[in-house]
Amino acid sequence: MPELCRFFGIVIAMYYDDHAPPHFHAIYGSERAEFCIDPLGLLKGRLSPRALALVTEWTALHQEELLEAWNRRAAGQQLPRIEPLR
């Protein structure tokens, strides 16, 4: 699973052979969740309230880059690194 970003212990990744709708995976310790990119929202899984807030904030800042990464993934291209929250 290619990693797009890592911040505050949260790993953001996409699978090359994943299904629609455009989404990404967030992993925080033993917690896992999938987030829809557009519209922004939790698809399934669970994160702690703090991690959920951080991922939501990060996604809002990088929504266009995430959609570009999804399209590159579908074309079999290498996924870009996206800036973390600081």
C-alpha atoms as a PDB file:
ATOM      1  CA  MET A   1       0.000   0.000   0.000  1.00  0.00           C
ATOM      2  CA  PRO A   2       1.798   3.134  -1.182  1.00  0.00           C
ATOM      3  CA  GLU A   3       2.116   5.808   1.488  1.00  0.00           C
ATOM      4  CA  LEU A   4       1.137   9.342   0.517  1.00  0.00           C
ATOM      5  CA  CYS A   5       1.831  11.055   3.805  1.00  0.00           C
ATOM      6  CA  ARG A   6       2.627  10.552   7.481  1.00  0.00           C
ATOM      7  CA  PHE A   7       1.913  13.009  10.302  1.00  0.00           C
ATOM      8  CA  PHE A   8       1.405  12.766  14.074  1.00  0.00           C
ATOM      9  CA  GLY A   9       1.575   8.970  13.875  1.00  0.00           C
ATOM     10  CA  ILE A  10      -1.104   8.781  11.161  1.00  0.00           C
ATOM     11  CA  VAL A  11      -0.296   7.060   7.867  1.00  0.00           C
ATOM     12  CA  ILE A  12      -2.247   8.058   4.729  1.00  0.00           C
ATOM     13  CA  ALA A  13      -2.142   5.545   1.869  1.00  0.00           C
ATOM     14  CA  MET A  14      -3.869   4.343  -1.309  1.00  0.00           C
ATOM     15  CA  TYR A  15      -4.035   0.890  -2.857  1.00  0.00           C
ATOM     16  CA  TYR A  16      -3.264   0.617  -6.581  1.00  0.00           C
ATOM     17  CA  ASP A  17      -6.093  -1.859  -7.178  1.00  0.00           C
ATOM     18  CA  ASP A  18      -8.743  -0.156  -5.034  1.00  0.00           C
ATOM     19  CA  HIS A  19     -12.411   0.386  -5.889  1.00  0.00           C
ATOM     20  CA  ALA A  20     -14.481   3.523  -6.476  1.00  0.00           C
ATOM     21  CA  PRO A  21     -15.387   6.020  -5.079  1.00  0.00           C
ATOM     22  CA  PRO A  22     -12.074   7.890  -4.858  1.00  0.00           C
ATOM     23  CA  HIS A  23     -10.802   7.394  -1.328  1.00  0.00           C
ATOM     24  CA  PHE A  24      -7.749   6.835   0.842  1.00  0.00           C
ATOM     25  CA  HIS A  25      -6.882   4.831   3.929  1.00  0.00           C
ATOM     26  CA  ALA A  26      -5.843   6.335   7.262  1.00  0.00           C
ATOM     27  CA  ILE A  27      -4.032   4.156   9.792  1.00  0.00           C
ATOM     28  CA  TYR A  28      -3.377   5.250  13.362  1.00  0.00           C
ATOM     29  CA  GLY A  29      -1.941   2.499  15.530  1.00  0.00           C
ATOM     30  CA  SER A  30      -4.508  -0.304  15.451  1.00  0.00           C
ATOM     31  CA  GLU A  31      -7.256   2.002  14.131  1.00  0.00           C
ATOM     32  CA  ARG A  32      -8.142   2.002  10.452  1.00  0.00           C
ATOM     33  CA  ALA A  33     -10.535   4.097   8.378  1.00  0.00           C
ATOM     34  CA  GLU A  34     -11.354   4.883   4.754  1.00  0.00           C
ATOM     35  CA  PHE A  35     -12.154   8.449   3.717  1.00  0.00           C
ATOM     36  CA  CYS A  36     -13.989   9.609   0.599  1.00  0.00           C
ATOM     37  CA  ILE A  37     -12.092  12.413  -1.122  1.00  0.00           C
ATOM     38  CA  ASP A  38     -14.979  14.217  -2.813  1.00  0.00           C
ATOM     39  CA  PRO A  39     -17.189  14.823  -1.013  1.00  0.00           C
ATOM     40  CA  LEU A  40     -14.926  14.657   2.011  1.00  0.00           C
ATOM     41  CA  GLY A  41     -16.192  12.132   4.534  1.00  0.00           C
ATOM     42  CA  LEU A  42     -15.632   8.949   6.482  1.00  0.00           C
ATOM     43  CA  LEU A  43     -16.596   5.872   4.433  1.00  0.00           C
ATOM     44  CA  LYS A  44     -15.919   3.174   7.000  1.00  0.00           C
ATOM     45  CA  GLY A  45     -13.799   2.330   9.974  1.00  0.00           C
ATOM     46  CA  ARG A  46     -12.983   4.293  13.068  1.00  0.00           C
ATOM     47  CA  LEU A  47     -10.337   6.699  14.335  1.00  0.00           C
ATOM     48  CA  SER A  48     -10.043   8.395  17.703  1.00  0.00           C
ATOM     49  CA  PRO A  49     -11.658  11.851  17.773  1.00  0.00           C
ATOM     50  CA  ARG A  50      -8.241  13.572  17.695  1.00  0.00           C
ATOM     51  CA  ALA A  51      -6.974  11.498  14.751  1.00  0.00           C
ATOM     52  CA  LEU A  52     -10.288  11.957  12.925  1.00  0.00           C
ATOM     53  CA  ALA A  53     -10.038  15.744  13.308  1.00  0.00           C
ATOM     54  CA  LEU A  54      -6.432  15.767  12.076  1.00  0.00           C
ATOM     55  CA  VAL A  55      -7.207  13.614   9.024  1.00  0.00           C
ATOM     56  CA  THR A  56     -10.253  15.737   8.191  1.00  0.00           C
ATOM     57  CA  GLU A  57      -8.214  18.948   8.427  1.00  0.00           C
ATOM     58  CA  TRP A  58      -5.404  17.479   6.303  1.00  0.00           C
ATOM     59  CA  THR A  59      -7.856  16.202   3.680  1.00  0.00           C
ATOM     60  CA  ALA A  60      -9.537  19.600   3.358  1.00  0.00           C
ATOM     61  CA  LEU A  61      -6.133  21.172   2.693  1.00  0.00           C
ATOM     62  CA  HIS A  62      -5.075  18.570   0.109  1.00  0.00           C
ATOM     63  CA  GLN A  63      -8.304  17.503  -1.595  1.00  0.00           C
ATOM     64  CA  GLU A  64      -7.117  18.385  -5.113  1.00  0.00           C
ATOM     65  CA  GLU A  65      -3.793  16.603  -4.601  1.00  0.00           C
ATOM     66  CA  LEU A  66      -5.641  13.528  -3.334  1.00  0.00           C
ATOM     67  CA  LEU A  67      -7.864  13.460  -6.425  1.00  0.00           C
ATOM     68  CA  GLU A  68      -4.751  13.773  -8.601  1.00  0.00           C
ATOM     69  CA  ALA A  69      -3.162  10.879  -6.696  1.00  0.00           C
ATOM     70  CA  TRP A  70      -6.311   8.787  -7.225  1.00  0.00           C
ATOM     71  CA  ASN A  71      -6.159   9.436 -10.974  1.00  0.00           C
ATOM     72  CA  ARG A  72      -2.440   8.617 -11.108  1.00  0.00           C
ATOM     73  CA  ARG A  73      -3.131   5.413  -9.178  1.00  0.00           C
ATOM     74  CA  ALA A  74      -5.798   4.421 -11.714  1.00  0.00           C
ATOM     75  CA  ALA A  75      -3.293   5.031 -14.533  1.00  0.00           C
ATOM     76  CA  GLY A  76      -0.690   2.858 -12.785  1.00  0.00           C
ATOM     77  CA  GLN A  77       1.640   5.793 -12.169  1.00  0.00           C
ATOM     78  CA  GLN A  78       3.733   6.408  -9.093  1.00  0.00           C
ATOM     79  CA  LEU A  79       1.854   8.193  -6.325  1.00  0.00           C
ATOM     80  CA  PRO A  80       3.108  11.581  -5.155  1.00  0.00           C
ATOM     81  CA  ARG A  81       4.073  12.448  -1.596  1.00  0.00           C
ATOM     82  CA  ILE A  82       1.740  15.010  -0.064  1.00  0.00           C
ATOM     83  CA  GLU A  83       2.825  17.506   2.599  1.00  0.00           C
ATOM     84  CA  PRO A  84       1.941  16.567   6.181  1.00  0.00           C
ATOM     85  CA  LEU A  85       0.220  18.695   8.788  1.00  0.00           C
ATOM     86  CA  ARG A  86       2.704  20.595  10.894  1.00  0.00           C
END
